[in-house]
Amino acid sequence: MTTGAVFPAETVLSDGSVFRVVPVETGVRAIRAWVEHPWPMSPAQALALRDRLGWTSSPTKEWMLTTDHDLEEKDASFNTIEAGGDTRTVSSFHLSLTSRIPKDVMDEAVPITGRAFNAYVEALTAVYGQGKRGKRKQHASVTWTLPSDASVRIGTVGWVIGADVDS
């Protein structure tokens, strides 16, 4: 697996803001916890997984999560859908792997993001095999579909990297 040495976890940009990228080992561990959890998943199971990972929910929206990845914001969330009657099931999970930065310094972060995206793809390919690549203009993504029919997609556009798990 590629180590964090391929890209810096923190970079001070020309305006003084700090661009953060979740280290690959940390991000992959979180992605695997969600994608490899048995699906479908109830909201209660999602909250138990949040607790197991040491994350916290927003005080007003329990589906908005703050991880321990030091991005200094709510950087994860899950969505639920109706599963019949009053029952809801988790349909997807999103995890940000980069921090937000001011628009005027975004271009400075793009090369770091590219290296980080490639390192994530390499690490997830080592776990799940070859994924399906997608590319549209400035947007690149790779999707892996597991035997459980859950899928994980990592994508990047500009300075943003995100991972999505769907069931």
Foldseek 3Di string as FASTA:
>chain_A
DDWCVLFPQWDQFPVRDIKGFQILVVVVVLVCLVQVDQPQAFPVRVVVSCVVQVWAADPVGRQQIDHPRPLPGRFKGWDWDDPDDPGITTFKMKGWRMHDDDPVGLQVQQVRQVSRLVVNQVVVCVVQNAFDWDDDPQKIKTKGQDPSRWMKMWMDGRNTIMIMIGD
